[in-house]
Amino acid sequence: MSIYEKKKVDEINKVHKAVNWDTEDDDFTQAFWDQNVKQFWLPEEVPVSKDIPNWNELSEKERVLYKRVLAGLTLLDTKQGNDGIPSMMDLTDNFQRKAVLSFMGTMEEIHAKSYSNIFTTLLSKKEIDDLFIWIEEEELLQNKARIVLRQYKNTDDDKSLYMSMATSVFLESFLFYSGFFYPLFLAGQGKMISSGEIISLILRDESLHGKYIGLLAQEKLNSFSYDDKNELKDKVYELLKELMENEEKYTRMLYEGTGLEEQVINFLRYNANSALTNLGFEEFYKVEPVNAIVLNGLSTETKTHDFFSTKGNGYQKGIYEELEDDDFFFPELEN
């Protein structure tokens, strides 16, 4: 019997334990579980079809940018749900933490599907097919995926687990944001409101994911020796610089000709600093004031209508029909 086969047999024959939610394993995981569950949503419950008139009013250049930023987000969510979260779960022994990570992985899949819901509503079948070919052929986007997968696919000990956690925090708290900028920018001007609401819901999730995995990473880092901590910290900053270099090139390619390039890059640096904070490190980049419209859109609270500038449509759990005049007719009150 090979060592691998013996390990499998030992794993099957050992005493197996069940998750026990009656006892808190730490002072934060159950709170994150509760918040994750409270935030659960489905893309079918957001009326994206309301954006069709706005979509038809956008220029061809604006539509290309919009669908490509969402396509890039689709790839990242796919890899986070299929590779990133599982890589951390495999080396996490605590069942409550596994459960929270599993729920987060499910939400990443929901995020990916939400973009497809937008595509299905706004684009033709050929446009969608062409868009997914673009995902496979865009080298800077593919390189971004390769950098994160290089780490996720090599998670096999405590140090690599820490680096996968750090990579995940960079993905959740930083890399997504070149894609988030434009939908937030339009929604803040009263355009593509329903799609912008989906982005707001995703932002609310990613904020939670980055904070939780950041806490796990900080705890893991504190378990290492002084020398190992310094070694891992150096690797984190090397990874950040590599990701940022690629992300700046990707941003300039996506936003070329819009006049927004520098604002988006500044936004990236702002969120890279947030990712470092989630990991327990000091901010690294000097940042100018972020575009006020986009910064307002970063609020993780559900948006509400403002008479002067529509900021969102407010998510409600459940599927609702449009109100009609008859809904306000109450015969019993006529007397």
C-alpha atoms as a PDB file:
ATOM      1  CA  MET A   1       0.000   0.000   0.000  1.00  0.00           C
ATOM      2  CA  SER A   2       1.379   3.406  -0.984  1.00  0.00           C
ATOM      3  CA  ILE A   3       1.776   6.274   1.508  1.00  0.00           C
ATOM      4  CA  TYR A   4      -1.056   8.115  -0.263  1.00  0.00           C
ATOM      5  CA  GLU A   5      -3.404   5.104  -0.018  1.00  0.00           C
ATOM      6  CA  LYS A   6      -2.511   4.572   3.654  1.00  0.00           C
ATOM      7  CA  LYS A   7      -3.257   8.225   4.369  1.00  0.00           C
ATOM      8  CA  LYS A   8      -6.677   7.845   2.743  1.00  0.00           C
ATOM      9  CA  VAL A   9      -7.445   4.743   4.800  1.00  0.00           C
ATOM     10  CA  ASP A  10      -6.328   6.462   8.015  1.00  0.00           C
ATOM     11  CA  GLU A  11      -8.529   9.434   7.194  1.00  0.00           C
ATOM     12  CA  ILE A  12     -11.574   7.206   6.683  1.00  0.00           C
ATOM     13  CA  ASN A  13     -10.997   5.145   9.838  1.00  0.00           C
ATOM     14  CA  LYS A  14     -10.277   7.967  12.270  1.00  0.00           C
ATOM     15  CA  VAL A  15     -12.874   9.255  14.751  1.00  0.00           C
ATOM     16  CA  HIS A  16     -15.023  11.830  12.957  1.00  0.00           C
ATOM     17  CA  LYS A  17     -16.441  14.887  14.690  1.00  0.00           C
ATOM     18  CA  ALA A  18     -19.437  17.080  13.876  1.00  0.00           C
ATOM     19  CA  VAL A  19     -19.676  20.860  13.925  1.00  0.00           C
ATOM     20  CA  ASN A  20     -21.043  22.124  17.251  1.00  0.00           C
ATOM     21  CA  TRP A  21     -22.620  25.570  16.995  1.00  0.00           C
ATOM     22  CA  ASP A  22     -23.666  25.557  20.662  1.00  0.00           C
ATOM     23  CA  THR A  23     -20.102  26.416  21.659  1.00  0.00           C
ATOM     24  CA  GLU A  24     -18.316  29.437  20.215  1.00  0.00           C
ATOM     25  CA  ASP A  25     -14.905  28.406  18.910  1.00  0.00           C
ATOM     26  CA  ASP A  26     -13.681  32.020  18.864  1.00  0.00           C
ATOM     27  CA  ASP A  27     -15.115  35.476  19.471  1.00  0.00           C
ATOM     28  CA  PHE A  28     -15.914  36.403  15.852  1.00  0.00           C
ATOM     29  CA  THR A  29     -16.784  33.454  13.578  1.00  0.00           C
ATOM     30  CA  GLN A  30     -20.398  33.002  14.677  1.00  0.00           C
ATOM     31  CA  ALA A  31     -20.991  36.741  14.314  1.00  0.00           C
ATOM     32  CA  PHE A  32     -19.678  36.560  10.737  1.00  0.00           C
ATOM     33  CA  TRP A  33     -21.913  33.552  10.049  1.00  0.00           C
ATOM     34  CA  ASP A  34     -24.954  35.476  11.266  1.00  0.00           C
ATOM     35  CA  GLN A  35     -24.092  38.522   9.178  1.00  0.00           C
ATOM     36  CA  ASN A  36     -23.426  36.441   6.066  1.00  0.00           C
ATOM     37  CA  VAL A  37     -26.817  34.777   6.387  1.00  0.00           C
ATOM     38  CA  LYS A  38     -28.583  38.104   6.948  1.00  0.00           C
ATOM     39  CA  GLN A  39     -26.994  39.444   3.767  1.00  0.00           C
ATOM     40  CA  PHE A  40     -28.055  36.506   1.570  1.00  0.00           C
ATOM     41  CA  TRP A  41     -29.561  37.586  -1.741  1.00  0.00           C
ATOM     42  CA  LEU A  42     -30.230  36.278  -5.233  1.00  0.00           C
ATOM     43  CA  PRO A  43     -29.715  38.179  -8.495  1.00  0.00           C
ATOM     44  CA  GLU A  44     -33.152  37.190  -9.801  1.00  0.00           C
ATOM     45  CA  GLU A  45     -34.663  39.435  -7.130  1.00  0.00           C
ATOM     46  CA  VAL A  46     -33.169  42.605  -8.630  1.00  0.00           C
ATOM     47  CA  PRO A  47     -35.114  43.989 -11.650  1.00  0.00           C
ATOM     48  CA  VAL A  48     -32.243  44.433 -14.117  1.00  0.00           C
ATOM     49  CA  SER A  49     -34.732  44.882 -16.990  1.00  0.00           C
ATOM     50  CA  LYS A  50     -35.351  48.410 -15.676  1.00  0.00           C
ATOM     51  CA  ASP A  51     -31.876  49.279 -16.986  1.00  0.00           C
ATOM     52  CA  ILE A  52     -32.724  48.525 -20.630  1.00  0.00           C
ATOM     53  CA  PRO A  53     -33.714  52.141 -21.495  1.00  0.00           C
ATOM     54  CA  ASN A  54     -30.465  53.434 -19.921  1.00  0.00           C
ATOM     55  CA  TRP A  55     -28.453  50.761 -21.704  1.00  0.00           C
ATOM     56  CA  ASN A  56     -29.856  51.799 -25.069  1.00  0.00           C
ATOM     57  CA  GLU A  57     -28.913  55.425 -24.355  1.00  0.00           C
ATOM     58  CA  LEU A  58     -25.246  54.633 -23.628  1.00  0.00           C
ATOM     59  CA  SER A  59     -22.706  55.069 -26.412  1.00  0.00           C
ATOM     60  CA  GLU A  60     -21.123  51.990 -27.948  1.00  0.00           C
ATOM     61  CA  LYS A  61     -17.848  52.795 -26.165  1.00  0.00           C
ATOM     62  CA  GLU A  62     -19.659  53.035 -22.810  1.00  0.00           C
ATOM     63  CA  ARG A  63     -21.435  49.718 -23.388  1.00  0.00           C
ATOM     64  CA  VAL A  64     -18.176  47.972 -24.299  1.00  0.00           C
ATOM     65  CA  LEU A  65     -16.511  49.255 -21.126  1.00  0.00           C
ATOM     66  CA  TYR A  66     -19.479  48.288 -18.952  1.00  0.00           C
ATOM     67  CA  LYS A  67     -19.749  44.724 -20.197  1.00  0.00           C
ATOM     68  CA  ARG A  68     -15.974  44.167 -20.097  1.00  0.00           C
ATOM     69  CA  VAL A  69     -15.552  45.339 -16.505  1.00  0.00           C
ATOM     70  CA  LEU A  70     -18.333  42.913 -15.525  1.00  0.00           C
ATOM     71  CA  ALA A  71     -16.713  40.154 -17.581  1.00  0.00           C
ATOM     72  CA  GLY A  72     -13.446  40.619 -15.677  1.00  0.00           C
ATOM     73  CA  LEU A  73     -15.346  40.404 -12.397  1.00  0.00           C
ATOM     74  CA  THR A  74     -17.016  37.200 -13.596  1.00  0.00           C
ATOM     75  CA  LEU A  75     -13.634  35.536 -14.102  1.00  0.00           C
ATOM     76  CA  LEU A  76     -12.344  36.577 -10.675  1.00  0.00           C
ATOM     77  CA  ASP A  77     -15.505  35.422  -8.881  1.00  0.00           C
ATOM     78  CA  THR A  78     -15.318  32.100 -10.710  1.00  0.00           C
ATOM     79  CA  LYS A  79     -11.747  31.524  -9.555  1.00  0.00           C
ATOM     80  CA  GLN A  80     -12.458  32.701  -6.018  1.00  0.00           C
ATOM     81  CA  GLY A  81     -15.438  30.361  -5.674  1.00  0.00           C
ATOM     82  CA  ASN A  82     -13.810  27.367  -7.351  1.00  0.00           C
ATOM     83  CA  ASP A  83     -10.185  27.699  -6.203  1.00  0.00           C
ATOM     84  CA  GLY A  84      -9.614  30.437  -3.625  1.00  0.00           C
ATOM     85  CA  ILE A  85     -12.120  29.530  -0.925  1.00  0.00           C
ATOM     86  CA  PRO A  86     -11.578  25.731  -1.295  1.00  0.00           C
ATOM     87  CA  SER A  87      -7.793  26.171  -0.973  1.00  0.00           C
ATOM     88  CA  MET A  88      -8.302  27.736   2.467  1.00  0.00           C
ATOM     89  CA  MET A  89     -11.008  25.314   3.561  1.00  0.00           C
ATOM     90  CA  ASP A  90      -8.781  22.301   2.887  1.00  0.00           C
ATOM     91  CA  LEU A  91      -6.224  23.370   5.496  1.00  0.00           C
ATOM     92  CA  THR A  92      -8.720  24.790   8.008  1.00  0.00           C
ATOM     93  CA  ASP A  93      -9.588  22.278  10.729  1.00  0.00           C
ATOM     94  CA  ASN A  94     -12.220  24.320  12.557  1.00  0.00           C
ATOM     95  CA  PHE A  95     -15.692  23.307  11.342  1.00  0.00           C
ATOM     96  CA  GLN A  96     -17.384  26.609  12.127  1.00  0.00           C
ATOM     97  CA  ARG A  97     -14.757  28.457  10.115  1.00  0.00           C
ATOM     98  CA  LYS A  98     -15.131  25.952   7.292  1.00  0.00           C
ATOM     99  CA  ALA A  99     -18.867  26.651   7.296  1.00  0.00           C
ATOM    100  CA  VAL A 100     -18.384  30.418   7.049  1.00  0.00           C
ATOM    101  CA  LEU A 101     -15.842  30.005   4.260  1.00  0.00           C
ATOM    102  CA  SER A 102     -18.175  27.614   2.443  1.00  0.00           C
ATOM    103  CA  PHE A 103     -21.017  30.145   2.623  1.00  0.00           C
ATOM    104  CA  MET A 104     -18.688  32.829   1.290  1.00  0.00           C
ATOM    105  CA  GLY A 105     -17.704  30.522  -1.568  1.00  0.00           C
ATOM    106  CA  THR A 106     -21.373  30.078  -2.422  1.00  0.00           C
ATOM    107  CA  MET A 107     -21.837  33.842  -2.522  1.00  0.00           C
ATOM    108  CA  GLU A 108     -18.895  34.149  -4.933  1.00  0.00           C
ATOM    109  CA  GLU A 109     -20.751  31.787  -7.274  1.00  0.00           C
ATOM    110  CA  ILE A 110     -23.889  33.899  -6.863  1.00  0.00           C
ATOM    111  CA  HIS A 111     -21.872  37.007  -7.704  1.00  0.00           C
ATOM    112  CA  ALA A 112     -20.624  35.349 -10.897  1.00  0.00           C
ATOM    113  CA  LYS A 113     -24.177  34.361 -11.837  1.00  0.00           C
ATOM    114  CA  SER A 114     -25.451  37.871 -11.154  1.00  0.00           C
ATOM    115  CA  TYR A 115     -23.209  39.225 -13.909  1.00  0.00           C
ATOM    116  CA  SER A 116     -24.618  36.620 -16.282  1.00  0.00           C
ATOM    117  CA  ASN A 117     -28.116  37.796 -15.340  1.00  0.00           C
ATOM    118  CA  ILE A 118     -27.104  41.306 -16.393  1.00  0.00           C
ATOM    119  CA  PHE A 119     -25.605  39.996 -19.640  1.00  0.00           C
ATOM    120  CA  THR A 120     -28.705  37.927 -20.446  1.00  0.00           C
ATOM    121  CA  THR A 121     -30.941  40.952 -19.877  1.00  0.00           C
ATOM    122  CA  LEU A 122     -28.916  43.487 -21.863  1.00  0.00           C
ATOM    123  CA  LEU A 123     -26.957  41.579 -24.507  1.00  0.00           C
ATOM    124  CA  SER A 124     -27.636  39.284 -27.447  1.00  0.00           C
ATOM    125  CA  LYS A 125     -26.396  35.695 -27.424  1.00  0.00           C
ATOM    126  CA  LYS A 126     -23.626  36.592 -29.874  1.00  0.00           C
ATOM    127  CA  GLU A 127     -22.504  39.536 -27.737  1.00  0.00           C
ATOM    128  CA  ILE A 128     -22.326  37.254 -24.697  1.00  0.00           C
ATOM    129  CA  ASP A 129     -20.359  34.605 -26.590  1.00  0.00           C
ATOM    130  CA  ASP A 130     -17.932  37.243 -27.877  1.00  0.00           C
ATOM    131  CA  LEU A 131     -17.528  38.617 -24.369  1.00  0.00           C
ATOM    132  CA  PHE A 132     -16.491  35.247 -22.961  1.00  0.00           C
ATOM    133  CA  ILE A 133     -14.011  34.828 -25.810  1.00  0.00           C
ATOM    134  CA  TRP A 134     -12.607  38.237 -24.803  1.00  0.00           C
ATOM    135  CA  ILE A 135     -12.140  36.942 -21.236  1.00  0.00           C
ATOM    136  CA  GLU A 136     -10.007  34.079 -22.547  1.00  0.00           C
ATOM    137  CA  GLU A 137      -7.987  36.218 -24.921  1.00  0.00           C
ATOM    138  CA  GLU A 138      -7.323  39.344 -22.815  1.00  0.00           C
ATOM    139  CA  GLU A 139      -3.769  38.754 -21.599  1.00  0.00           C
ATOM    140  CA  LEU A 140      -3.739  41.221 -18.680  1.00  0.00           C
ATOM    141  CA  LEU A 141      -6.951  39.731 -17.302  1.00  0.00           C
ATOM    142  CA  GLN A 142      -5.603  36.203 -17.751  1.00  0.00           C
ATOM    143  CA  ASN A 143      -2.352  37.212 -16.059  1.00  0.00           C
ATOM    144  CA  LYS A 144      -4.295  38.516 -13.065  1.00  0.00           C
ATOM    145  CA  ALA A 145      -6.013  35.131 -12.763  1.00  0.00           C
ATOM    146  CA  ARG A 146      -2.692  33.311 -13.145  1.00  0.00           C
ATOM    147  CA  ILE A 147      -1.075  35.284 -10.323  1.00  0.00           C
ATOM    148  CA  VAL A 148      -3.797  34.433  -7.811  1.00  0.00           C
ATOM    149  CA  LEU A 149      -4.123  30.822  -8.988  1.00  0.00           C
ATOM    150  CA  ARG A 150      -0.359  30.356  -8.691  1.00  0.00           C
ATOM    151  CA  GLN A 151      -0.876  30.761  -4.950  1.00  0.00           C
ATOM    152  CA  TYR A 152      -4.228  29.018  -4.581  1.00  0.00           C
ATOM    153  CA  LYS A 153      -3.013  25.907  -6.413  1.00  0.00           C
ATOM    154  CA  ASN A 154       0.022  25.630  -4.120  1.00  0.00           C
ATOM    155  CA  THR A 155      -1.647  25.753  -0.709  1.00  0.00           C
ATOM    156  CA  ASP A 156      -0.172  22.795   1.144  1.00  0.00           C
ATOM    157  CA  ASP A 157       1.264  24.008   4.471  1.00  0.00           C
ATOM    158  CA  ASP A 158       0.789  26.756   7.066  1.00  0.00           C
ATOM    159  CA  LYS A 159       2.909  29.343   5.263  1.00  0.00           C
ATOM    160  CA  SER A 160       1.209  28.813   1.922  1.00  0.00           C
ATOM    161  CA  LEU A 161      -2.171  28.853   3.687  1.00  0.00           C
ATOM    162  CA  TYR A 162      -1.325  32.289   5.074  1.00  0.00           C
ATOM    163  CA  MET A 163      -0.289  33.503   1.628  1.00  0.00           C
ATOM    164  CA  SER A 164      -3.526  32.172   0.137  1.00  0.00           C
ATOM    165  CA  MET A 165      -5.446  34.099   2.800  1.00  0.00           C
ATOM    166  CA  ALA A 166      -3.494  37.254   1.934  1.00  0.00           C
ATOM    167  CA  THR A 167      -4.117  36.664  -1.777  1.00  0.00           C
ATOM    168  CA  SER A 168      -7.818  36.245  -1.068  1.00  0.00           C
ATOM    169  CA  VAL A 169      -7.953  39.514   0.865  1.00  0.00           C
ATOM    170  CA  PHE A 170      -6.226  41.295  -2.031  1.00  0.00           C
ATOM    171  CA  LEU A 171      -8.781  39.804  -4.414  1.00  0.00           C
ATOM    172  CA  GLU A 172     -11.827  40.652  -2.287  1.00  0.00           C
ATOM    173  CA  SER A 173     -10.692  44.070  -1.062  1.00  0.00           C
ATOM    174  CA  PHE A 174      -8.621  45.366  -3.995  1.00  0.00           C
ATOM    175  CA  LEU A 175      -8.599  43.502  -7.338  1.00  0.00           C
ATOM    176  CA  PHE A 176     -12.359  43.623  -7.853  1.00  0.00           C
ATOM    177  CA  TYR A 177     -12.417  47.395  -7.678  1.00  0.00           C
ATOM    178  CA  SER A 178     -11.247  48.252 -11.190  1.00  0.00           C
ATOM    179  CA  GLY A 179     -14.479  46.526 -12.203  1.00  0.00           C
ATOM    180  CA  PHE A 180     -16.643  48.132  -9.529  1.00  0.00           C
ATOM    181  CA  PHE A 181     -15.635  51.717 -10.348  1.00  0.00           C
ATOM    182  CA  TYR A 182     -17.600  52.190 -13.560  1.00  0.00           C
ATOM    183  CA  PRO A 183     -20.960  50.714 -12.437  1.00  0.00           C
ATOM    184  CA  LEU A 184     -20.755  52.828  -9.260  1.00  0.00           C
ATOM    185  CA  PHE A 185     -19.791  55.884 -11.335  1.00  0.00           C
ATOM    186  CA  LEU A 186     -22.849  55.483 -13.587  1.00  0.00           C
ATOM    187  CA  ALA A 187     -25.289  54.528 -10.832  1.00  0.00           C
ATOM    188  CA  GLY A 188     -24.283  57.623  -8.860  1.00  0.00           C
ATOM    189  CA  GLN A 189     -25.449  59.652 -11.854  1.00  0.00           C
ATOM    190  CA  GLY A 190     -28.788  57.871 -12.031  1.00  0.00           C
ATOM    191  CA  LYS A 191     -27.766  55.467 -14.827  1.00  0.00           C
ATOM    192  CA  MET A 192     -27.946  51.637 -14.779  1.00  0.00           C
ATOM    193  CA  ILE A 193     -29.458  51.773 -11.299  1.00  0.00           C
ATOM    194  CA  SER A 194     -30.567  48.150 -10.964  1.00  0.00           C
ATOM    195  CA  SER A 195     -27.220  46.781 -12.148  1.00  0.00           C
ATOM    196  CA  GLY A 196     -25.593  49.251  -9.768  1.00  0.00           C
ATOM    197  CA  GLU A 197     -27.701  47.822  -6.953  1.00  0.00           C
ATOM    198  CA  ILE A 198     -26.278  44.374  -7.712  1.00  0.00           C
ATOM    199  CA  ILE A 199     -22.789  45.850  -7.462  1.00  0.00           C
ATOM    200  CA  SER A 200     -23.751  47.388  -4.099  1.00  0.00           C
ATOM    201  CA  LEU A 201     -24.940  44.001  -2.840  1.00  0.00           C
ATOM    202  CA  ILE A 202     -21.717  42.375  -4.016  1.00  0.00           C
ATOM    203  CA  LEU A 203     -19.671  45.121  -2.358  1.00  0.00           C
ATOM    204  CA  ARG A 204     -21.479  44.457   0.899  1.00  0.00           C
ATOM    205  CA  ASP A 205     -20.490  40.782   0.662  1.00  0.00           C
ATOM    206  CA  GLU A 206     -16.892  41.449  -0.356  1.00  0.00           C
ATOM    207  CA  SER A 207     -16.446  43.854   2.530  1.00  0.00           C
ATOM    208  CA  LEU A 208     -17.457  41.078   4.906  1.00  0.00           C
ATOM    209  CA  HIS A 209     -15.287  38.472   3.168  1.00  0.00           C
ATOM    210  CA  GLY A 210     -12.198  40.671   3.245  1.00  0.00           C
ATOM    211  CA  LYS A 211     -12.604  41.423   6.939  1.00  0.00           C
ATOM    212  CA  TYR A 212     -13.209  37.792   7.961  1.00  0.00           C
ATOM    213  CA  ILE A 213     -10.391  36.235   5.964  1.00  0.00           C
ATOM    214  CA  GLY A 214      -8.189  39.134   7.059  1.00  0.00           C
ATOM    215  CA  LEU A 215      -8.815  38.192  10.692  1.00  0.00           C
ATOM    216  CA  LEU A 216      -7.939  34.561   9.951  1.00  0.00           C
ATOM    217  CA  ALA A 217      -4.751  35.727   8.210  1.00  0.00           C
ATOM    218  CA  GLN A 218      -3.728  37.934  11.140  1.00  0.00           C
ATOM    219  CA  GLU A 219      -4.266  35.053  13.541  1.00  0.00           C
ATOM    220  CA  LYS A 220      -2.243  32.724  11.309  1.00  0.00           C
ATOM    221  CA  LEU A 221       0.605  35.237  10.968  1.00  0.00           C
ATOM    222  CA  ASN A 222       0.828  35.622  14.749  1.00  0.00           C
ATOM    223  CA  SER A 223       1.439  31.877  15.065  1.00  0.00           C
ATOM    224  CA  PHE A 224       4.796  32.131  13.255  1.00  0.00           C
ATOM    225  CA  SER A 225       8.231  32.972  14.603  1.00  0.00           C
ATOM    226  CA  TYR A 226       9.657  36.484  14.283  1.00  0.00           C
ATOM    227  CA  ASP A 227      11.793  35.556  11.265  1.00  0.00           C
ATOM    228  CA  ASP A 228       8.934  33.741   9.532  1.00  0.00           C
ATOM    229  CA  LYS A 229       6.636  36.727  10.098  1.00  0.00           C
ATOM    230  CA  ASN A 230       9.115  39.044   8.398  1.00  0.00           C
ATOM    231  CA  GLU A 231       9.593  36.594   5.524  1.00  0.00           C
ATOM    232  CA  LEU A 232       5.832  36.332   4.961  1.00  0.00           C
ATOM    233  CA  LYS A 233       5.316  40.077   5.266  1.00  0.00           C
ATOM    234  CA  ASP A 234       7.932  40.638   2.548  1.00  0.00           C
ATOM    235  CA  LYS A 235       6.111  38.115   0.340  1.00  0.00           C
ATOM    236  CA  VAL A 236       2.802  39.897   0.904  1.00  0.00           C
ATOM    237  CA  TYR A 237       4.227  43.210  -0.280  1.00  0.00           C
ATOM    238  CA  GLU A 238       5.932  41.533  -3.253  1.00  0.00           C
ATOM    239  CA  LEU A 239       2.584  40.032  -4.217  1.00  0.00           C
ATOM    240  CA  LEU A 240       0.829  43.372  -3.802  1.00  0.00           C
ATOM    241  CA  LYS A 241       3.328  45.147  -6.060  1.00  0.00           C
ATOM    242  CA  GLU A 242       3.035  42.435  -8.720  1.00  0.00           C
ATOM    243  CA  LEU A 243      -0.763  42.607  -8.645  1.00  0.00           C
ATOM    244  CA  MET A 244      -0.798  46.404  -8.704  1.00  0.00           C
ATOM    245  CA  GLU A 245       1.576  46.597 -11.671  1.00  0.00           C
ATOM    246  CA  ASN A 246      -0.684  44.292 -13.682  1.00  0.00           C
ATOM    247  CA  GLU A 247      -3.849  45.991 -12.433  1.00  0.00           C
ATOM    248  CA  GLU A 248      -2.673  49.449 -13.496  1.00  0.00           C
ATOM    249  CA  LYS A 249      -1.951  48.159 -17.000  1.00  0.00           C
ATOM    250  CA  TYR A 250      -5.334  46.401 -17.092  1.00  0.00           C
ATOM    251  CA  THR A 251      -7.080  49.578 -15.948  1.00  0.00           C
ATOM    252  CA  ARG A 252      -5.378  51.758 -18.562  1.00  0.00           C
ATOM    253  CA  MET A 253      -6.361  49.261 -21.256  1.00  0.00           C
ATOM    254  CA  LEU A 254     -10.011  49.078 -20.116  1.00  0.00           C
ATOM    255  CA  TYR A 255     -10.600  52.769 -19.496  1.00  0.00           C
ATOM    256  CA  GLU A 256      -8.496  54.175 -22.355  1.00  0.00           C
ATOM    257  CA  GLY A 257     -10.063  57.299 -23.806  1.00  0.00           C
ATOM    258  CA  THR A 258     -12.602  57.804 -21.011  1.00  0.00           C
ATOM    259  CA  GLY A 259     -10.565  60.304 -19.014  1.00  0.00           C
ATOM    260  CA  LEU A 260     -11.167  58.136 -15.944  1.00  0.00           C
ATOM    261  CA  GLU A 261      -7.900  56.172 -15.964  1.00  0.00           C
ATOM    262  CA  GLU A 262      -6.108  58.087 -13.212  1.00  0.00           C
ATOM    263  CA  GLN A 263      -9.226  58.206 -11.032  1.00  0.00           C
ATOM    264  CA  VAL A 264      -9.617  54.430 -11.273  1.00  0.00           C
ATOM    265  CA  ILE A 265      -5.945  53.818 -10.458  1.00  0.00           C
ATOM    266  CA  ASN A 266      -6.249  56.119  -7.451  1.00  0.00           C
ATOM    267  CA  PHE A 267      -9.332  54.101  -6.451  1.00  0.00           C
ATOM    268  CA  LEU A 268      -7.295  50.896  -6.744  1.00  0.00           C
ATOM    269  CA  ARG A 269      -4.631  52.258  -4.419  1.00  0.00           C
ATOM    270  CA  TYR A 270      -7.294  53.383  -1.944  1.00  0.00           C
ATOM    271  CA  ASN A 271      -8.684  49.855  -1.828  1.00  0.00           C
ATOM    272  CA  ALA A 272      -5.237  48.235  -1.758  1.00  0.00           C
ATOM    273  CA  ASN A 273      -4.644  50.217   1.442  1.00  0.00           C
ATOM    274  CA  SER A 274      -7.946  48.857   2.787  1.00  0.00           C
ATOM    275  CA  ALA A 275      -6.804  45.323   1.974  1.00  0.00           C
ATOM    276  CA  LEU A 276      -3.563  45.900   3.881  1.00  0.00           C
ATOM    277  CA  THR A 277      -5.582  47.191   6.842  1.00  0.00           C
ATOM    278  CA  ASN A 278      -7.653  43.989   6.757  1.00  0.00           C
ATOM    279  CA  LEU A 279      -4.376  42.054   6.973  1.00  0.00           C
ATOM    280  CA  GLY A 280      -3.196  44.139   9.932  1.00  0.00           C
ATOM    281  CA  PHE A 281      -0.579  46.103   7.986  1.00  0.00           C
ATOM    282  CA  GLU A 282      -0.085  49.829   7.515  1.00  0.00           C
ATOM    283  CA  GLU A 283      -1.272  51.623   4.395  1.00  0.00           C
ATOM    284  CA  PHE A 284       1.281  51.596   1.595  1.00  0.00           C
ATOM    285  CA  TYR A 285       0.040  53.904  -1.164  1.00  0.00           C
ATOM    286  CA  LYS A 286      -0.351  57.653  -1.171  1.00  0.00           C
ATOM    287  CA  VAL A 287      -3.906  58.355  -2.285  1.00  0.00           C
ATOM    288  CA  GLU A 288      -5.674  61.434  -3.604  1.00  0.00           C
ATOM    289  CA  PRO A 289      -9.337  62.066  -2.697  1.00  0.00           C
ATOM    290  CA  VAL A 290     -11.495  59.378  -4.345  1.00  0.00           C
ATOM    291  CA  ASN A 291     -14.198  60.418  -6.810  1.00  0.00           C
ATOM    292  CA  ALA A 292     -17.084  61.501  -4.535  1.00  0.00           C
ATOM    293  CA  ILE A 293     -19.759  59.720  -6.589  1.00  0.00           C
ATOM    294  CA  VAL A 294     -17.887  56.417  -6.437  1.00  0.00           C
ATOM    295  CA  LEU A 295     -16.950  56.851  -2.780  1.00  0.00           C
ATOM    296  CA  ASN A 296     -20.629  57.328  -1.942  1.00  0.00           C
ATOM    297  CA  GLY A 297     -21.358  54.116  -3.831  1.00  0.00           C
ATOM    298  CA  LEU A 298     -18.927  52.199  -1.612  1.00  0.00           C
ATOM    299  CA  SER A 299     -21.367  52.496   1.288  1.00  0.00           C
ATOM    300  CA  THR A 300     -22.346  48.927   2.204  1.00  0.00           C
ATOM    301  CA  GLU A 301     -25.818  49.985   3.341  1.00  0.00           C
ATOM    302  CA  THR A 302     -28.683  49.382   0.921  1.00  0.00           C
ATOM    303  CA  LYS A 303     -29.295  52.456  -1.211  1.00  0.00           C
ATOM    304  CA  THR A 304     -32.554  54.419  -1.210  1.00  0.00           C
ATOM    305  CA  HIS A 305     -34.036  56.850  -3.685  1.00  0.00           C
ATOM    306  CA  ASP A 306     -33.090  60.488  -3.349  1.00  0.00           C
ATOM    307  CA  PHE A 307     -35.442  62.911  -5.156  1.00  0.00           C
ATOM    308  CA  PHE A 308     -32.576  64.936  -6.592  1.00  0.00           C
ATOM    309  CA  SER A 309     -30.145  62.127  -7.494  1.00  0.00           C
ATOM    310  CA  THR A 310     -31.188  58.500  -7.623  1.00  0.00           C
ATOM    311  CA  LYS A 311     -28.584  56.457  -5.764  1.00  0.00           C
ATOM    312  CA  GLY A 312     -30.123  52.989  -5.950  1.00  0.00           C
ATOM    313  CA  ASN A 313     -33.343  51.062  -5.744  1.00  0.00           C
ATOM    314  CA  GLY A 314     -33.017  49.289  -2.406  1.00  0.00           C
ATOM    315  CA  TYR A 315     -32.798  45.512  -2.269  1.00  0.00           C
ATOM    316  CA  GLN A 316     -35.686  43.590  -0.756  1.00  0.00           C
ATOM    317  CA  LYS A 317     -35.656  39.841  -0.298  1.00  0.00           C
ATOM    318  CA  GLY A 318     -38.351  38.228  -2.396  1.00  0.00           C
ATOM    319  CA  ILE A 319     -39.750  38.805  -5.878  1.00  0.00           C
ATOM    320  CA  TYR A 320     -42.209  41.659  -6.169  1.00  0.00           C
ATOM    321  CA  GLU A 321     -44.616  42.832  -8.867  1.00  0.00           C
ATOM    322  CA  GLU A 322     -44.840  46.428 -10.047  1.00  0.00           C
ATOM    323  CA  LEU A 323     -47.474  48.527  -8.226  1.00  0.00           C
ATOM    324  CA  GLU A 324     -50.490  49.574 -10.315  1.00  0.00           C
ATOM    325  CA  ASP A 325     -53.323  52.079  -9.737  1.00  0.00           C
ATOM    326  CA  ASP A 326     -55.719  49.267  -8.773  1.00  0.00           C
ATOM    327  CA  ASP A 327     -53.485  48.389  -5.865  1.00  0.00           C
ATOM    328  CA  PHE A 328     -54.529  51.641  -4.210  1.00  0.00           C
ATOM    329  CA  PHE A 329     -58.317  51.067  -4.607  1.00  0.00           C
ATOM    330  CA  PHE A 330     -59.980  50.123  -1.301  1.00  0.00           C
ATOM    331  CA  PRO A 331     -63.782  49.725  -1.763  1.00  0.00           C
ATOM    332  CA  GLU A 332     -64.341  49.094   1.926  1.00  0.00           C
ATOM    333  CA  LEU A 333     -63.208  52.645   2.674  1.00  0.00           C
ATOM    334  CA  GLU A 334     -65.560  54.380   0.192  1.00  0.00           C
ATOM    335  CA  ASN A 335     -68.212  55.179   2.821  1.00  0.00           C
END
